[in-house]
Each structure stands twice: as C-alpha cells, then as structure tokens.
Amino acid sequence: MITDLKPYPAMKDSGVPWLGEVPAHWDVFPNRAVFTEVKERDHPDADMLSVTITRGVIRQRALLDGSSKKDGSNQDKSAYKLVRPGDIAYNKMRAWQGALGVSEYQGIVSPAYVVQRPCGGSDARYLHYLLRTPVFAKEAERWSYGITSDMWSLRPEHFKMIYSCLPPLAEQAAIVRFLDYMDRRIRRYIRAKQTLIKLLEEQKQAIIHHAVTRGLDADVRLKPSGVEWLGDVPAHWEVRFLGRCLRRIDQGWSPVAAEGDISPDQWAVLTLSSVKQGAFNSRAIKPVQLSAKIPEGIEIEDGDLLLTRSNTRKLVGDVCIVKNARSKTLICDLIYRLTPESTILCSSFLMLMLLSQFGRRQIERDARGSSGTMPKIAQRHIRSWRVVVPPHEEQRSIVRDIEVTSKDIDAAIDRANREISLLREYRTRLIADVVTGKLDVREAAARLPNETELVEPASEDELLDNGSEADAEIEADAADAEA
C-alpha cells in the first residue's frame, strides 16, 4: 500500500516556509481562521487532563498510575480550563517540543494552558496530526518567546498568526482514516518488538541470577545462605554485608547546567540516563557553567561502578560500569559511585549481582520516597545489603561466562530496539508527508477495509517508555502551570 502512494498531480507554493509546496486545491489559512480560543471555567469536578509531548492530551491518571509522582495541581480548580472532546489543547511553554493535541475526553487543564476549538470545515483529528509534526514544532519554536528555552512560550496571539494547510473536509477525513489505519499497524509491530525485548531481558535475568547465586558448577556442594529469600549457595562462598566489601561510596554533585553545546575542554556532569541496566551512556551529559568551582574526587574513570541514588521505583538502584569515559565528566548528585575492596569483590561481579533478582529485591525493599517524590536509596541501605562472595578468580569466570552467554541476547535486544526506533521514525515521516500534502492517500484510504478495530487500541500510556518519562511529563505540567 505504501509503495503505491504518489505525489499529488498539481502542487502550488503555499507561501509558508514550514509547509513548502501543497496540493493546488488545498487552502492555506492563518490559525485565527481555523481555531477559536475558548476559556470555559468553573468545572472543578471534571477529570484532570495532561498535555504530554509523547501522547498529546491524555487523562492525568494515565501518567500517575505508572509513576512515583502525585497530583500536584491546585486544590481549587475553579480557574482551570474546560476541554471538550475535539478541542486542541497545548502547553504554552512546551508547544515547541510537541506538547499539544486533540482531546478525546472532557476534562480540565491548568489555567496556564491554551484551549483552541477548531472551526467548521476542519477535522480535529487531521489538525492533531498536522500540529504534532516536527515541522510544526519548529514553527512553534520560531513563534515562541522567552529569555531561555525553559521559558519559551507560544502565546495564543502568536499561535493565531501561524499558517496551516487545510484540504477539503472529505479529504481530511480520508487522511485521518489512512493515518489511523497505519498507526494501528505500526503500534502492533512495536508492541510485538517490545514483547520480544521483555522476554529476552527475562531470559538474561534468569542467566545472571543463577550464575551469581549458584555459580557455574552444577555439581557444587551447597549450604544454607542464612538469607531466607536467597536459599542455598555454594558451600565455599561467603555471604557478607556489602558495606564490609566496599572501600568507599561517593555521591555526585548538583551544579547549575550551562546552555548550549559542550566544548571538548569543558566540564560536564552525568545525567540519570547515563545508567541503564548495566549499560553506560557516555553521551548522557550536561555542560557545567564555566565559572563553576569544580569539586575534586568525583570525576569518572573507566571501570567505575555507578548506581542511581534516585529514580522511579523500576529504575532506582540501576547500575553500570563506566566504559569509554569522557575526561572532565563528573557524577551527578543522583548517582553514587561504589568502590569495592579489590581483594574481596570485583566491580563487574558486584554489578551483575545488583542486576540480579537477588540484588533487585534488596534495592526495591529499601528504596524510600515520601508522597510526590521519587524513591531514594541512602548509603546506609547500600551498606546493609547482603552479597555473596565467591573466590576472586571464580567471580571473574562467572563474569566472563555471563558476557559470552548474554552476547547473542544483547545483540537481539539491540536489534529489536533499533527496529522500534526505525518504525517510530518512519511513522513520524509518513504522517508529516501525508498531512502536508507530499503524498496522496485518497485512493489508498478508499481501499481500506471497513474494520471496527483489527488490533487492540493503544492504552493511554503505551508509548511512555517507562516511569521516568511519566515523571518528567508530570514535573513539566506542574512547573509550567506554576510559571
């Protein structure tokens, strides 16, 4: 079907740089002719809605249910704006990042947000697809004002001055029909890949857990570990408190980040996303202001074992070993560096132990957070964790065996993640080409089957990759509403 798509037979210059050429029979209007701003208030009992970058407008509980965050909205919601089904709502301060979309629900949003109602002659779903394209986001950025990017705001009077393209109403409906159909199928492929990744990760988890708690010799004599939920361990292994196996624990620094790119000789600080399930991302850094006084002793080096001090419940206590470290890069205050006594534990074996079910159970037990905050781990918790300590050479053998055994699994996970990225990139490009008239889908839409829904609909939070993304969306909601 996609290979049959062709350009429109006749095009014209829209006169609008972000749209370029559009089909000759399409109209191009300023948004003041397409939308009417609405400010309905005094509906304090209506459902709270969130305007997100990843999914557009969704019920706020879809974010809260999978997150450590709590509802931070004001108790008095009489000033909150009512959003009706079919309205377009956007976050003034994050429209340039894609935080806008059509609402399928009736609910309320922060008074700081903008609600626009499409006029007659336009399909709200078509406008949803159009306004969530990367090219519109760049246009929204051009019309946003503020001292820094964190303060950029797309005001309603400027939104009205942006031009949008409008096909005939029947053609808008055909475009929506085609894109909905393709989106469902792409989501189905992504869901299948995500299921495969989950199964592969479970397989790897089982390999790690067995190796770090039972070793590689199936015939080894066992003894009770003394830890009820650990069970038996090899008789020649020790079970110790982690604190007695560590030389030191370092906590990072919380500097004021600088704007712009990082020069090679500039100091930088790691972000939480630098640590993910045993993998180190050296590019997850922020620049430090040139005038900052740099603390000593927390610059990362290859071989360092990092553990996240605070994150979502799923990711708090995540660990990795630093590889290919950038010079002049510091640990952030949400990350610990654990330095084992080299004669007792090697860092790679300790990392695998903390990634295992044995390690995760202790981490999740001790992760603490008050209402509305992400769980945190204190150094005293780390020191109280129990670890198994095989002879040093056996630790290295276990690490090597897990690396070899997991190599094909890791490759399959990487391949599936790349395929998911390509599918998402393809969907973004397809939507942009169709809603701006670069591809003609009228015939393709007419040939689509009359299906009720051949694949299950997406859940509201399906495309939120994990809890930390949900937390970021809620924090953005709260911060922008307050601003």
Protein backbone atom coordinates (compact mmCIF):
# COMPACT_ATOMS: atom_id res chain seq x y z
CA MET A 1 0.00 0.00 0.00
CA ILE A 2 2.74 2.46 0.93
CA THR A 3 4.69 1.80 -2.25
CA ASP A 4 1.58 2.79 -4.26
CA LEU A 5 1.47 6.28 -2.79
CA LYS A 6 2.32 9.04 -5.25
CA PRO A 7 2.63 12.83 -5.13
CA TYR A 8 -0.39 14.97 -5.96
CA PRO A 9 -0.63 15.77 -9.69
CA ALA A 10 -0.66 19.55 -9.20
CA MET A 11 1.17 21.50 -6.48
CA LYS A 12 1.47 25.16 -5.57
CA ASP A 13 3.72 27.25 -3.37
CA SER A 14 1.93 27.70 -0.04
CA GLY A 15 3.86 30.89 0.66
CA VAL A 16 4.63 29.45 4.09
CA PRO A 17 8.20 28.16 4.59
CA TRP A 18 7.29 25.39 7.08
CA LEU A 19 4.67 23.97 4.69
CA GLY A 20 6.50 24.40 1.38
CA GLU A 21 4.51 23.24 -1.62
CA VAL A 22 0.99 21.92 -1.03
CA PRO A 23 -1.61 20.40 -3.40
CA ALA A 24 -3.08 23.02 -5.70
CA HIS A 25 -6.64 22.54 -4.41
CA TRP A 26 -5.74 22.87 -0.70
CA ASP A 27 -6.32 26.07 1.25
CA VAL A 28 -3.76 27.78 3.48
CA PHE A 29 -5.17 29.86 6.33
CA PRO A 30 -3.80 31.61 9.42
CA ASN A 31 -4.81 29.75 12.56
CA ARG A 32 -7.09 32.63 13.57
CA ALA A 33 -9.37 31.43 10.72
CA VAL A 34 -9.06 27.76 11.76
CA PHE A 35 -9.43 27.97 15.56
CA THR A 36 -11.30 29.87 18.22
CA GLU A 37 -9.71 30.16 21.65
CA VAL A 38 -12.05 29.04 24.43
CA LYS A 39 -11.80 29.80 28.16
CA GLU A 40 -14.57 27.84 29.85
CA ARG A 41 -14.02 27.63 33.61
CA ASP A 42 -15.83 26.66 36.82
CA HIS A 43 -15.80 22.88 36.26
CA PRO A 44 -13.68 21.91 39.30
CA ASP A 45 -15.02 18.33 39.47
CA ALA A 46 -14.08 17.38 35.92
CA ASP A 47 -11.24 14.90 35.27
CA MET A 48 -7.74 16.34 35.19
CA LEU A 49 -6.07 16.06 31.78
CA SER A 50 -2.37 16.21 30.95
CA VAL A 51 -0.92 17.65 27.75
CA THR A 52 2.12 15.49 27.02
CA ILE A 53 4.90 15.52 24.48
CA THR A 54 4.66 11.80 23.79
CA ARG A 55 0.91 11.24 23.57
CA GLY A 56 -0.80 14.61 23.32
CA VAL A 57 -3.84 15.01 25.60
CA ILE A 58 -4.47 12.12 27.99
CA ARG A 59 -6.10 11.62 31.36
CA GLN A 60 -3.65 12.60 34.09
CA ARG A 61 -4.23 9.35 35.96
CA ALA A 62 -2.67 7.51 32.99
CA LEU A 63 0.60 9.19 34.00
CA LEU A 64 0.12 8.97 37.75
CA ASP A 65 -0.74 5.26 37.76
CA GLY A 66 2.67 4.27 36.40
CA SER A 67 4.68 6.91 38.20
CA SER A 68 6.06 7.82 41.59
CA LYS A 69 4.55 11.29 41.23
CA LYS A 70 1.31 12.55 42.78
CA ASP A 71 -1.26 15.02 41.54
CA GLY A 72 0.38 18.40 42.06
CA SER A 73 -2.50 20.52 40.79
CA ASN A 74 -4.17 23.15 42.98
CA GLN A 75 -6.99 22.04 45.25
CA ASP A 76 -9.12 24.93 43.99
CA LYS A 77 -9.68 24.07 40.33
CA SER A 78 -12.37 26.66 39.61
CA ALA A 79 -9.95 28.59 37.36
CA TYR A 80 -8.90 25.52 35.39
CA LYS A 81 -9.95 25.49 31.75
CA LEU A 82 -12.53 23.05 30.40
CA VAL A 83 -11.51 20.92 27.41
CA ARG A 84 -14.27 19.27 25.38
CA PRO A 85 -13.82 16.30 23.02
CA GLY A 86 -12.44 17.63 19.74
CA ASP A 87 -10.72 20.65 21.30
CA ILE A 88 -7.00 21.20 20.74
CA ALA A 89 -5.10 21.92 23.96
CA TYR A 90 -1.47 22.95 24.19
CA ASN A 91 1.13 23.69 26.82
CA LYS A 92 2.33 27.22 26.05
CA MET A 93 5.84 26.53 27.32
CA ARG A 94 6.29 23.17 25.59
CA ALA A 95 4.38 23.51 22.32
CA TRP A 96 7.75 23.80 20.56
CA GLN A 97 8.55 20.33 21.96
CA GLY A 98 5.27 18.82 20.77
CA ALA A 99 3.10 19.15 23.89
CA LEU A 100 -0.26 19.63 22.18
CA GLY A 101 -3.04 17.59 20.63
CA VAL A 102 -6.74 16.91 20.26
CA SER A 103 -8.64 15.67 23.30
CA GLU A 104 -10.84 12.60 23.19
CA TYR A 105 -12.10 13.41 26.68
CA GLN A 106 -13.94 16.11 28.56
CA GLY A 107 -11.80 17.41 31.41
CA ILE A 108 -9.82 20.35 32.71
CA VAL A 109 -6.26 21.60 32.26
CA SER A 110 -4.10 24.15 34.02
CA PRO A 111 -5.10 27.81 33.60
CA ALA A 112 -1.64 28.32 32.06
CA TYR A 113 -2.55 26.15 29.07
CA VAL A 114 -4.38 27.18 25.91
CA VAL A 115 -7.55 25.56 24.55
CA GLN A 116 -8.40 26.08 20.88
CA ARG A 117 -11.62 24.86 19.26
CA PRO A 118 -11.49 24.03 15.52
CA CYS A 119 -13.92 25.98 13.40
CA GLY A 120 -16.29 24.47 10.85
CA GLY A 121 -14.63 22.98 7.78
CA SER A 122 -11.85 21.29 9.69
CA ASP A 123 -11.42 17.80 11.14
CA ALA A 124 -9.92 17.92 14.65
CA ARG A 125 -8.05 14.64 14.11
CA TYR A 126 -6.43 15.99 10.93
CA LEU A 127 -5.32 19.08 12.84
CA HIS A 128 -3.99 16.83 15.63
CA TYR A 129 -1.75 15.01 13.15
CA LEU A 130 -0.66 18.27 11.49
CA LEU A 131 0.20 20.14 14.70
CA ARG A 132 2.20 17.22 16.14
CA THR A 133 4.64 17.04 13.22
CA PRO A 134 8.29 18.02 13.81
CA VAL A 135 7.97 20.75 11.16
CA PHE A 136 5.13 22.41 13.07
CA ALA A 137 7.14 22.10 16.30
CA LYS A 138 9.95 24.07 14.65
CA GLU A 139 7.43 26.71 13.55
CA ALA A 140 6.03 26.86 17.10
CA GLU A 141 9.59 27.33 18.36
CA ARG A 142 10.07 30.23 15.93
CA TRP A 143 6.97 31.98 17.32
CA SER A 144 7.77 31.27 20.99
CA TYR A 145 9.31 33.93 23.19
CA GLY A 146 11.33 33.85 26.38
CA ILE A 147 14.72 34.52 27.93
CA THR A 148 15.82 30.88 27.78
CA SER A 149 14.42 27.71 26.20
CA ASP A 150 12.93 26.71 29.56
CA MET A 151 10.83 29.89 29.46
CA TRP A 152 9.80 29.95 25.79
CA SER A 153 6.07 30.47 25.48
CA LEU A 154 3.76 30.20 22.47
CA ARG A 155 1.12 32.78 23.30
CA PRO A 156 -2.39 32.49 21.82
CA GLU A 157 -1.97 35.70 19.81
CA HIS A 158 1.10 34.24 18.14
CA PHE A 159 -0.45 30.80 17.63
CA LYS A 160 -3.20 32.55 15.65
CA MET A 161 -0.59 34.04 13.28
CA ILE A 162 0.85 30.67 12.26
CA TYR A 163 -0.50 29.38 8.94
CA SER A 164 -1.88 25.86 8.48
CA CYS A 165 -2.88 23.92 5.37
CA LEU A 166 -6.43 22.62 5.01
CA PRO A 167 -7.56 20.07 2.40
CA PRO A 168 -11.28 19.78 1.61
CA LEU A 169 -13.14 18.28 4.58
CA ALA A 170 -13.76 14.92 2.88
CA GLU A 171 -10.05 14.68 2.07
CA GLN A 172 -9.13 15.48 5.68
CA ALA A 173 -11.32 12.55 6.73
CA ALA A 174 -9.57 10.29 4.19
CA ILE A 175 -6.17 11.35 5.52
CA VAL A 176 -7.25 10.63 9.10
CA ARG A 177 -8.64 7.24 8.07
CA PHE A 178 -5.37 6.29 6.36
CA LEU A 179 -3.11 7.52 9.18
CA ASP A 180 -5.22 5.88 11.89
CA TYR A 181 -5.02 2.61 9.97
CA MET A 182 -1.24 2.82 9.54
CA ASP A 183 -0.69 3.98 13.12
CA ARG A 184 -2.55 0.95 14.49
CA ARG A 185 -0.38 -1.40 12.48
CA ILE A 186 2.86 0.30 13.36
CA ARG A 187 1.87 0.18 17.04
CA ARG A 188 1.15 -3.52 16.68
CA TYR A 189 4.66 -4.11 15.25
CA ILE A 190 6.21 -2.01 18.03
CA ARG A 191 4.22 -3.90 20.66
CA ALA A 192 5.47 -7.21 19.26
CA LYS A 193 9.08 -5.98 19.41
CA GLN A 194 8.58 -4.73 22.98
CA THR A 195 7.21 -8.13 23.98
CA LEU A 196 10.25 -9.81 22.43
CA ILE A 197 12.60 -7.47 24.33
CA LYS A 198 10.82 -8.24 27.60
CA LEU A 199 11.18 -12.00 27.06
CA LEU A 200 14.86 -11.63 26.16
CA GLU A 201 15.50 -9.49 29.25
CA GLU A 202 13.77 -12.08 31.43
CA GLN A 203 15.96 -14.79 29.90
CA LYS A 204 19.10 -12.75 30.58
CA GLN A 205 17.91 -12.00 34.12
CA ALA A 206 17.49 -15.73 34.80
CA ILE A 207 21.01 -16.44 33.49
CA ILE A 208 22.54 -13.73 35.67
CA HIS A 209 20.62 -14.71 38.79
CA HIS A 210 21.57 -18.38 38.56
CA ALA A 211 25.24 -17.63 37.86
CA VAL A 212 25.75 -15.11 40.68
CA THR A 213 23.89 -17.15 43.31
CA ARG A 214 24.83 -20.74 42.35
CA GLY A 215 27.98 -20.41 40.23
CA LEU A 216 28.88 -22.35 37.08
CA ASP A 217 29.39 -25.84 38.53
CA ALA A 218 26.09 -27.73 38.56
CA ASP A 219 27.54 -30.36 40.92
CA VAL A 220 28.90 -27.98 43.54
CA ARG A 221 28.04 -28.72 47.18
CA LEU A 222 25.59 -26.18 48.63
CA LYS A 223 24.94 -24.72 52.08
CA PRO A 224 22.17 -22.52 53.53
CA SER A 225 22.91 -18.86 52.85
CA GLY A 226 21.25 -17.64 56.04
CA VAL A 227 19.07 -15.35 53.92
CA GLU A 228 15.56 -16.77 53.68
CA TRP A 229 14.75 -15.49 50.20
CA LEU A 230 18.18 -16.34 48.77
CA GLY A 231 18.24 -20.04 49.60
CA ASP A 232 21.31 -22.23 49.25
CA VAL A 233 24.65 -21.03 47.87
CA PRO A 234 27.89 -22.92 47.07
CA ALA A 235 29.48 -24.16 50.28
CA HIS A 236 32.82 -22.41 49.65
CA TRP A 237 31.20 -18.98 49.09
CA GLU A 238 30.76 -16.34 51.80
CA VAL A 239 27.69 -14.18 52.44
CA ARG A 240 28.60 -10.70 53.71
CA PHE A 241 27.16 -7.25 54.22
CA LEU A 242 28.04 -5.09 51.22
CA GLY A 243 29.39 -2.36 53.50
CA ARG A 244 32.19 -4.67 54.58
CA CYS A 245 33.15 -5.23 50.93
CA LEU A 246 33.33 -1.55 49.91
CA ARG A 247 36.27 0.80 50.21
CA ARG A 248 34.11 3.89 49.69
CA ILE A 249 30.84 5.33 48.37
CA ASP A 250 30.95 8.68 46.58
CA GLN A 251 27.89 10.83 45.91
CA GLY A 252 27.91 13.21 42.97
CA TRP A 253 27.40 16.95 42.57
CA SER A 254 24.46 19.13 41.51
CA PRO A 255 25.83 22.06 39.51
CA VAL A 256 23.90 24.65 37.53
CA ALA A 257 23.93 23.40 33.95
CA ALA A 258 25.14 25.69 31.19
CA GLU A 259 23.32 26.41 27.92
CA GLY A 260 24.44 25.18 24.52
CA ASP A 261 26.89 22.54 23.35
CA ILE A 262 29.79 21.15 25.37
CA SER A 263 33.25 22.09 24.20
CA PRO A 264 35.91 19.34 24.41
CA ASP A 265 37.74 21.01 27.31
CA GLN A 266 34.59 21.96 29.26
CA TRP A 267 33.48 20.16 32.41
CA ALA A 268 30.25 18.16 32.17
CA VAL A 269 28.06 16.21 34.58
CA LEU A 270 26.33 12.87 34.03
CA THR A 271 22.52 12.67 33.89
CA LEU A 272 20.44 9.79 35.25
CA SER A 273 20.01 8.33 31.77
CA SER A 274 23.75 7.60 31.65
CA VAL A 275 22.98 4.47 33.74
CA LYS A 276 20.63 1.88 32.29
CA GLN A 277 20.54 -1.84 33.15
CA GLY A 278 24.26 -2.47 33.06
CA ALA A 279 24.99 -0.19 30.09
CA PHE A 280 26.80 3.16 30.36
CA ASN A 281 25.83 6.01 28.02
CA SER A 282 28.75 8.44 27.84
CA ARG A 283 26.66 10.93 25.81
CA ALA A 284 24.10 11.46 28.59
CA ILE A 285 25.78 14.57 29.99
CA LYS A 286 25.08 18.26 30.59
CA PRO A 287 27.61 21.10 30.40
CA VAL A 288 28.71 22.78 33.61
CA GLN A 289 28.93 26.58 33.76
CA LEU A 290 32.47 27.71 33.02
CA SER A 291 32.60 29.81 36.20
CA ALA A 292 31.65 26.89 38.48
CA LYS A 293 34.09 25.69 41.11
CA ILE A 294 34.68 22.05 40.24
CA PRO A 295 34.73 19.63 43.22
CA GLU A 296 37.51 17.09 43.45
CA GLY A 297 37.24 13.31 43.62
CA ILE A 298 34.09 12.67 41.56
CA GLU A 299 35.44 12.68 38.00
CA ILE A 300 34.51 9.38 36.34
CA GLU A 301 37.04 6.87 35.05
CA ASP A 302 36.74 3.64 33.10
CA GLY A 303 35.83 0.78 35.42
CA ASP A 304 33.83 2.89 37.89
CA LEU A 305 30.66 1.22 39.21
CA LEU A 306 27.74 3.67 39.20
CA LEU A 307 24.40 3.23 41.00
CA THR A 308 21.42 5.58 40.67
CA ARG A 309 20.52 7.10 44.05
CA SER A 310 17.05 8.29 42.99
CA ASN A 311 14.76 7.41 40.12
CA THR A 312 11.44 5.69 39.51
CA ARG A 313 10.84 2.51 41.51
CA LYS A 314 11.69 0.44 38.44
CA LEU A 315 14.99 2.23 37.82
CA VAL A 316 16.22 3.35 41.24
CA GLY A 317 19.39 1.45 42.14
CA ASP A 318 20.18 0.77 38.49
CA VAL A 319 23.88 0.07 37.90
CA CYS A 320 26.53 0.10 35.20
CA ILE A 321 30.30 0.04 34.68
CA VAL A 322 31.82 3.13 33.07
CA LYS A 323 33.38 2.48 29.66
CA ASN A 324 34.98 4.97 27.27
CA ALA A 325 34.73 7.73 29.85
CA ARG A 326 34.91 11.32 28.65
CA SER A 327 37.53 13.35 30.50
CA LYS A 328 36.27 16.20 32.69
CA THR A 329 32.97 14.43 33.40
CA LEU A 330 31.54 14.36 36.93
CA ILE A 331 29.00 12.22 38.76
CA CYS A 332 25.68 13.98 39.37
CA ASP A 333 24.10 14.11 42.83
CA LEU A 334 21.54 11.43 41.89
CA ILE A 335 24.27 8.87 41.26
CA TYR A 336 26.60 7.02 43.65
CA ARG A 337 29.99 5.57 42.76
CA LEU A 338 30.72 2.31 44.62
CA THR A 339 34.35 1.30 45.01
CA PRO A 340 34.69 -2.33 46.18
CA GLU A 341 37.71 -3.65 48.09
CA SER A 342 39.57 -5.13 45.15
CA THR A 343 40.68 -8.17 47.14
CA ILE A 344 37.06 -9.05 48.04
CA LEU A 345 34.77 -8.11 45.15
CA CYS A 346 35.41 -7.16 41.55
CA SER A 347 33.19 -4.34 40.25
CA SER A 348 31.79 -6.33 37.32
CA PHE A 349 30.64 -9.20 39.56
CA LEU A 350 29.05 -6.76 42.01
CA MET A 351 27.23 -5.02 39.14
CA LEU A 352 25.77 -8.33 37.95
CA MET A 353 24.73 -9.23 41.49
CA LEU A 354 22.87 -5.92 41.85
CA LEU A 355 21.17 -6.50 38.49
CA SER A 356 20.00 -9.97 39.54
CA GLN A 357 16.70 -10.78 41.25
CA PHE A 358 18.73 -11.20 44.45
CA GLY A 359 20.05 -7.64 44.19
CA ARG A 360 16.88 -6.00 42.92
CA ARG A 361 14.82 -7.40 45.78
CA GLN A 362 17.01 -5.63 48.32
CA ILE A 363 17.14 -2.41 46.29
CA GLU A 364 13.38 -2.16 45.86
CA ARG A 365 12.82 -3.05 49.52
CA ASP A 366 14.98 -0.13 50.69
CA ALA A 367 14.01 2.50 48.09
CA ARG A 368 12.16 5.17 50.07
CA GLY A 369 10.18 8.19 48.94
CA SER A 370 7.65 10.49 50.53
CA SER A 371 4.42 11.38 48.77
CA GLY A 372 5.12 13.06 45.44
CA THR A 373 8.85 12.25 45.33
CA MET A 374 10.90 9.65 43.54
CA PRO A 375 12.25 6.80 45.69
CA LYS A 376 15.78 7.29 47.03
CA ILE A 377 18.45 4.99 48.41
CA ALA A 378 20.62 6.05 51.34
CA GLN A 379 24.23 4.95 51.79
CA ARG A 380 23.24 3.08 54.95
CA HIS A 381 20.88 0.95 52.86
CA ILE A 382 23.65 0.07 50.44
CA ARG A 383 25.96 -0.95 53.27
CA SER A 384 23.25 -3.19 54.75
CA TRP A 385 22.64 -5.21 51.58
CA ARG A 386 23.76 -8.84 51.61
CA VAL A 387 26.10 -10.07 48.88
CA VAL A 388 27.59 -13.44 48.03
CA VAL A 389 31.38 -13.51 47.73
CA PRO A 390 32.94 -16.33 45.69
CA PRO A 391 36.72 -16.62 45.40
CA HIS A 392 38.10 -13.79 43.27
CA GLU A 393 39.04 -15.91 40.25
CA GLU A 394 35.62 -17.57 40.29
CA GLN A 395 33.99 -14.12 40.22
CA ARG A 396 35.92 -13.32 37.05
CA SER A 397 34.97 -16.66 35.49
CA ILE A 398 31.29 -16.00 36.22
CA VAL A 399 31.52 -12.53 34.67
CA ARG A 400 33.19 -13.91 31.54
CA ASP A 401 30.62 -16.70 31.23
CA ILE A 402 27.68 -14.29 31.55
CA GLU A 403 29.23 -11.97 28.95
CA VAL A 404 29.59 -14.84 26.47
CA THR A 405 26.16 -16.35 27.22
CA SER A 406 24.42 -12.97 27.03
CA LYS A 407 26.15 -11.76 23.87
CA ASP A 408 23.51 -13.10 21.47
CA ILE A 409 20.69 -11.95 23.76
CA ASP A 410 22.14 -8.42 23.95
CA ALA A 411 22.51 -8.35 20.16
CA ALA A 412 18.88 -9.40 19.70
CA ILE A 413 17.70 -6.73 22.17
CA ASP A 414 19.77 -4.06 20.40
CA ARG A 415 18.37 -5.17 17.04
CA ALA A 416 14.79 -5.02 18.31
CA ASN A 417 15.36 -1.56 19.83
CA ARG A 418 16.80 -0.30 16.54
CA GLU A 419 13.79 -1.67 14.68
CA ILE A 420 11.45 0.13 17.11
CA SER A 421 13.37 3.38 16.54
CA LEU A 422 13.12 2.94 12.76
CA LEU A 423 9.39 2.22 12.98
CA ARG A 424 8.83 5.36 15.02
CA GLU A 425 10.93 7.45 12.65
CA TYR A 426 9.02 6.01 9.70
CA ARG A 427 5.66 6.81 11.34
CA THR A 428 6.76 10.40 12.04
CA ARG A 429 7.95 10.93 8.46
CA LEU A 430 4.85 9.30 6.95
CA ILE A 431 2.48 11.48 8.98
CA ALA A 432 4.39 14.65 8.09
CA ASP A 433 4.41 13.83 4.36
CA VAL A 434 0.71 12.99 4.29
CA VAL A 435 -0.69 15.92 6.31
CA THR A 436 1.37 18.49 4.40
CA GLY A 437 0.36 17.12 1.00
CA LYS A 438 3.61 15.48 -0.09
CA LEU A 439 1.87 12.11 -0.59
CA ASP A 440 -1.64 11.48 -1.97
CA VAL A 441 -3.51 8.87 0.13
CA ARG A 442 -7.02 9.36 -1.25
CA GLU A 443 -7.11 6.15 -3.30
CA ALA A 444 -5.32 4.15 -0.60
CA ALA A 445 -7.82 5.35 2.03
CA ALA A 446 -10.75 4.40 -0.20
CA ARG A 447 -9.41 0.82 -0.49
CA LEU A 448 -9.08 0.27 3.26
CA PRO A 449 -11.33 -2.41 4.78
CA ASN A 450 -14.24 -1.37 6.94
CA GLU A 451 -12.77 -2.65 10.18
CA THR A 452 -14.06 -1.99 13.64
CA GLU A 453 -10.55 -2.49 15.03
CA LEU A 454 -8.45 -5.42 13.86
CA VAL A 455 -5.83 -4.72 16.52
CA GLU A 456 -6.41 -3.69 20.08
CA PRO A 457 -6.37 0.07 20.70
CA ALA A 458 -3.35 1.61 22.34
CA SER A 459 -3.55 2.21 26.05
CA GLU A 460 -3.16 5.83 27.08
CA ASP A 461 0.36 5.30 28.38
CA GLU A 462 1.53 2.72 25.83
CA LEU A 463 4.14 4.95 24.27
CA LEU A 464 5.52 6.14 27.59
CA ASP A 465 8.69 4.07 27.64
CA ASN A 466 8.98 3.94 31.40
CA GLY A 467 8.03 5.62 34.62
CA SER A 468 10.78 8.23 34.44
CA GLU A 469 9.25 9.65 31.27
CA ALA A 470 5.88 9.87 33.00
CA ASP A 471 7.57 11.63 35.92
CA ALA A 472 9.16 14.12 33.53
CA GLU A 473 5.78 14.86 31.91
CA ILE A 474 4.13 15.46 35.30
CA GLU A 475 7.01 17.61 36.51
CA ALA A 476 6.70 19.68 33.31
CA ASP A 477 2.97 20.04 33.90
CA ALA A 478 3.46 21.25 37.46
CA ALA A 479 6.41 23.55 36.71
CA ASP A 480 4.79 25.17 33.68
CA ALA A 481 1.46 25.66 35.41
CA GLU A 482 3.23 27.33 38.33
CA ALA A 483 5.24 29.55 35.98
